[in-house]
Each structure stands twice: as C-alpha cells, then as structure tokens.
Amino acid sequence: MSKRAVLKWMKKLHTYAGLLTFTAFVVWGVIGVAGAFAPGPGNYQPPDISSVQDTPLTAPANLDDKALARYVFDNIYIPLRGGHYNIRRDESGNLAFYVFTASGRRDVTYLEDQGISRMEIRQNSIIGFLSTMHTAFSRRGPTTRAARLWGFYNEFAAWAFFFMTVSGIYLWLDTRPGMRWAQLIAASSLGFSVVLWLATR
C-alpha cells in the first residue's frame, strides 16, 4: 500500500473513530470539568434521602448476616445496581447495607420482624449519574444489559481515543510537521501533562 493510500485511510479512520465515540468524549469532558470542582478526599457527603420504598419480603430462617443480605439484595428491585456493601446491624438490631447504583446510593434495611425491606433512596444529580457511568466497563458496574452495553461502548471509546491520539500525531508529522501553532500546542500539552503528573504523584 502506498504512502498516499495509508494517509487517506488514516484520515478516514481517525474521523470515524471520533464520530463513533463522540458521546463518550462529551461525557468524559463534562465529568473532567466537574471533577475540578468536586469536594476533596474525605469531604464527600451523599445526597439527602429523596424517598423511601418498602417491599414485603420474608427471608428463609437461619441465614447468617452475609447470606441474609445477599437474599434481600437478590429479591428487591434496584435498577442499574452494582454490588452491596457495609453489611451491619443498626442500633435496633436490623440488618442494613448499602447498594451503589448509577442513580445514587440506596440504603437498605431489612425489618425482619415486620417482613419488610426498606430502601432509602439517595438520588444522584445528573453530574453524579454521568460520573458513575463514565467509569463503567463491561465487567464492572451495574449488571443490567443496558449498563453492560454502555460498558462495552466505554471500552471501545477508550481504545478509540488512544488510536486518535496516535493517528493524530502521525497525520500531523506526515502532513504539516513545521506548523508553528501545532508545535506550540504539542509542547504546551506535554508540559501541562508533566506538571499535572508531578502535582498529583
């Protein structure tokens, strides 16, 4: 294949990679900007409780706390859920745990004497929702089909971004290596990345 043909195909692939993954790039960009204004480590506060849902549920007897939490988790409907964490007994002796979802945290308490699973919903803002989804991958995060498909798309977008970086450098060096503003942008981007790396080590 001639150099001209390689350049032609590289331009097409570079363009289509950007078009196919534009949605993911927008999400990453929004969350990147929002992250600069996020609370520092240890200062995060979960959203207030927006609603409470009670679900009738009677669990089998003689389950330990871990097995009981798993039974409750498997038998209540929580969209876009991940795993369940921090299994414990509250001050009234009821089993309690957290469930993290793309839409926010869910605080679940199993009221065994009443046969009720109570879920306190802490709804995320749109920024919180996008922040969760931008880290989703095919083998991590909510297990629903929609979330898994988004995870595969996120992985594809990550590889596409890497390809666009490499192909963009190739296209620049092959067509306009002497362009002054391109050289300045490349140098400033590299310098800014080094400064960020040193500042966050």
Protein backbone atom coordinates (compact mmCIF):
# COMPACT_ATOMS: atom_id res chain seq x y z
CA MET A 1 0.00 0.00 0.00
CA SER A 2 1.38 3.39 -1.00
CA LYS A 3 2.05 6.18 1.45
CA ARG A 4 -0.77 8.21 -0.12
CA ALA A 5 -3.25 5.36 0.43
CA VAL A 6 -2.11 4.93 4.05
CA LEU A 7 -2.63 8.64 4.69
CA LYS A 8 -6.09 8.53 3.10
CA TRP A 9 -7.22 5.58 5.23
CA MET A 10 -5.66 7.04 8.35
CA LYS A 11 -7.69 10.24 7.90
CA LYS A 12 -10.90 8.23 7.45
CA LEU A 13 -10.29 6.00 10.46
CA HIS A 14 -9.32 8.98 12.60
CA THR A 15 -12.54 10.81 11.63
CA TYR A 16 -14.86 7.83 12.09
CA ALA A 17 -13.27 6.93 15.43
CA GLY A 18 -14.16 10.40 16.67
CA LEU A 19 -17.69 10.33 15.27
CA LEU A 20 -18.49 6.90 16.72
CA THR A 21 -17.27 7.80 20.21
CA PHE A 22 -18.36 11.44 20.39
CA THR A 23 -20.97 10.72 23.09
CA ALA A 24 -18.38 9.13 25.37
CA PHE A 25 -15.97 12.04 24.83
CA VAL A 26 -18.68 14.53 25.80
CA VAL A 27 -19.44 12.57 28.99
CA TRP A 28 -15.74 12.33 29.88
CA GLY A 29 -15.24 16.03 29.20
CA VAL A 30 -18.20 17.12 31.34
CA ILE A 31 -17.07 14.92 34.23
CA GLY A 32 -13.48 16.06 33.86
CA VAL A 33 -14.53 19.68 34.27
CA ALA A 34 -16.95 18.86 37.12
CA GLY A 35 -14.22 16.87 38.88
CA ALA A 36 -12.13 20.02 39.22
CA PHE A 37 -14.87 21.47 41.47
CA ALA A 38 -15.68 18.26 43.37
CA PRO A 39 -15.16 18.06 47.16
CA GLY A 40 -11.73 16.93 48.28
CA PRO A 41 -10.98 13.48 49.75
CA GLY A 42 -12.98 12.86 52.91
CA ASN A 43 -15.35 15.77 52.28
CA TYR A 44 -17.91 14.00 50.11
CA GLN A 45 -21.44 13.91 51.50
CA PRO A 46 -24.08 11.63 49.95
CA PRO A 47 -27.29 13.26 48.68
CA ASP A 48 -30.19 13.60 51.09
CA ILE A 49 -32.86 10.92 51.19
CA SER A 50 -35.34 11.72 48.43
CA SER A 51 -37.83 8.89 49.00
CA VAL A 52 -38.39 5.62 50.88
CA GLN A 53 -39.69 2.34 49.42
CA ASP A 54 -40.98 -0.60 51.45
CA THR A 55 -41.07 -4.07 49.88
CA PRO A 56 -42.75 -7.05 51.58
CA LEU A 57 -40.12 -9.75 51.97
CA THR A 58 -39.81 -12.84 54.12
CA ALA A 59 -36.37 -14.41 54.14
CA PRO A 60 -35.59 -18.04 55.00
CA ALA A 61 -34.70 -18.70 58.61
CA ASN A 62 -31.21 -19.46 59.96
CA LEU A 63 -29.26 -17.31 57.48
CA ASP A 64 -26.16 -15.51 58.68
CA ASP A 65 -25.88 -11.78 58.02
CA LYS A 66 -23.91 -12.18 54.79
CA ALA A 67 -26.33 -14.73 53.33
CA LEU A 68 -29.34 -12.71 54.51
CA ALA A 69 -28.01 -9.55 52.90
CA ARG A 70 -27.47 -11.45 49.67
CA TYR A 71 -31.01 -12.83 49.78
CA VAL A 72 -32.51 -9.36 50.32
CA PHE A 73 -30.28 -7.89 47.61
CA ASP A 74 -31.34 -10.56 45.11
CA ASN A 75 -35.05 -10.19 45.85
CA ILE A 76 -35.64 -6.44 45.69
CA TYR A 77 -35.75 -4.40 42.50
CA ILE A 78 -32.94 -1.85 42.21
CA PRO A 79 -32.28 -0.55 38.68
CA LEU A 80 -28.68 -0.09 37.50
CA ARG A 81 -27.28 -1.56 40.68
CA GLY A 82 -23.74 -2.63 41.37
CA GLY A 83 -22.85 -4.60 44.49
CA HIS A 84 -23.93 -4.39 48.13
CA TYR A 85 -21.53 -3.24 50.82
CA ASN A 86 -21.05 -2.41 54.51
CA ILE A 87 -23.25 -5.22 55.85
CA ARG A 88 -24.00 -4.49 59.51
CA ARG A 89 -26.66 -4.34 62.23
CA ASP A 90 -28.15 -0.94 63.05
CA GLU A 91 -28.91 0.32 66.56
CA SER A 92 -32.25 -1.55 66.51
CA GLY A 93 -30.61 -4.84 65.54
CA ASN A 94 -31.91 -4.78 61.96
CA LEU A 95 -29.71 -5.89 59.07
CA ALA A 96 -28.57 -2.96 56.95
CA PHE A 97 -26.30 -2.44 53.95
CA TYR A 98 -25.60 -0.06 51.08
CA VAL A 99 -26.24 -0.62 47.40
CA PHE A 100 -24.46 1.63 44.92
CA THR A 101 -26.20 2.38 41.63
CA ALA A 102 -25.60 4.72 38.73
CA SER A 103 -28.54 6.76 40.02
CA GLY A 104 -27.20 7.09 43.56
CA ARG A 105 -26.78 5.18 46.81
CA ARG A 106 -29.56 3.03 48.23
CA ASP A 107 -29.60 2.38 51.99
CA VAL A 108 -31.36 -0.94 52.57
CA THR A 109 -32.65 -2.08 55.97
CA TYR A 110 -34.34 -5.45 56.44
CA LEU A 111 -37.03 -5.24 59.13
CA GLU A 112 -37.18 -8.94 59.87
CA ASP A 113 -39.96 -8.74 62.50
CA GLN A 114 -42.23 -6.92 60.03
CA GLY A 115 -41.21 -8.85 56.92
CA ILE A 116 -40.27 -5.64 55.12
CA SER A 117 -37.23 -4.50 53.18
CA ARG A 118 -36.96 -0.72 53.49
CA MET A 119 -34.92 1.20 50.94
CA GLU A 120 -33.94 4.83 51.43
CA ILE A 121 -33.19 6.38 48.04
CA ARG A 122 -30.44 8.99 47.73
CA GLN A 123 -30.86 10.17 44.16
CA ASN A 124 -27.80 11.38 42.29
CA SER A 125 -27.67 14.62 40.36
CA ILE A 126 -27.13 14.35 36.60
CA ILE A 127 -23.42 15.03 37.21
CA GLY A 128 -23.28 12.21 39.75
CA PHE A 129 -25.02 9.88 37.32
CA LEU A 130 -22.61 10.70 34.49
CA SER A 131 -19.65 10.40 36.88
CA THR A 132 -20.68 6.82 37.68
CA MET A 133 -21.36 5.88 34.08
CA HIS A 134 -18.08 7.30 32.77
CA THR A 135 -16.19 4.69 34.84
CA ALA A 136 -18.37 1.75 33.75
CA PHE A 137 -16.78 -1.11 31.85
CA SER A 138 -18.07 -4.40 30.51
CA ARG A 139 -17.05 -6.36 33.60
CA ARG A 140 -17.60 -3.70 36.26
CA GLY A 141 -20.61 -1.75 37.43
CA PRO A 142 -24.35 -2.48 37.08
CA THR A 143 -25.14 -5.90 35.60
CA THR A 144 -28.15 -4.89 33.51
CA ARG A 145 -27.97 -5.28 29.74
CA ALA A 146 -28.09 -1.53 29.10
CA ALA A 147 -25.25 -0.89 31.55
CA ARG A 148 -23.14 -3.71 30.09
CA LEU A 149 -23.66 -2.35 26.56
CA TRP A 150 -22.59 1.09 27.76
CA GLY A 151 -19.57 -0.55 29.39
CA PHE A 152 -18.51 -2.13 26.08
CA TYR A 153 -19.02 1.22 24.36
CA ASN A 154 -16.90 2.92 27.03
CA GLU A 155 -14.09 0.42 26.47
CA PHE A 156 -14.32 0.88 22.72
CA ALA A 157 -14.19 4.66 23.20
CA ALA A 158 -11.09 4.38 25.39
CA TRP A 159 -9.23 2.43 22.70
CA ALA A 160 -10.56 4.77 20.03
CA PHE A 161 -9.23 7.75 21.98
CA PHE A 162 -5.80 6.10 22.14
CA PHE A 163 -5.94 5.42 18.40
CA MET A 164 -6.97 9.01 17.67
CA THR A 165 -4.03 10.30 19.71
CA VAL A 166 -1.53 8.15 17.81
CA SER A 167 -3.14 8.72 14.40
CA GLY A 168 -3.43 12.45 15.07
CA ILE A 169 0.29 12.69 15.78
CA TYR A 170 1.00 10.64 12.65
CA LEU A 171 -1.19 12.86 10.46
CA TRP A 172 0.45 15.99 11.86
CA LEU A 173 4.01 14.78 11.36
CA ASP A 174 3.23 13.38 7.91
CA THR A 175 1.48 16.47 6.53
CA ARG A 176 2.41 19.63 8.45
CA PRO A 177 5.33 18.95 10.81
CA GLY A 178 6.55 22.55 10.55
CA MET A 179 3.28 24.25 11.50
CA ARG A 180 4.19 26.60 14.34
CA TRP A 181 0.88 26.61 16.26
CA ALA A 182 0.74 22.81 16.14
CA GLN A 183 4.23 22.64 17.63
CA LEU A 184 3.25 25.11 20.35
CA ILE A 185 0.09 23.13 21.24
CA ALA A 186 2.03 19.86 21.35
CA ALA A 187 4.72 21.37 23.58
CA SER A 188 2.25 23.04 25.94
CA SER A 189 0.12 19.88 26.20
CA LEU A 190 3.18 17.80 27.04
CA GLY A 191 4.36 20.36 29.58
CA PHE A 192 0.93 20.62 31.19
CA SER A 193 0.72 16.81 31.46
CA VAL A 194 4.12 16.67 33.15
CA VAL A 195 3.09 19.39 35.63
CA LEU A 196 -0.15 17.54 36.47
CA TRP A 197 1.74 14.27 36.91
CA LEU A 198 4.25 15.90 39.28
CA ALA A 199 1.48 17.68 41.21
CA THR A 200 -0.62 14.54 41.74
CA ARG A 201 2.06 11.93 42.47
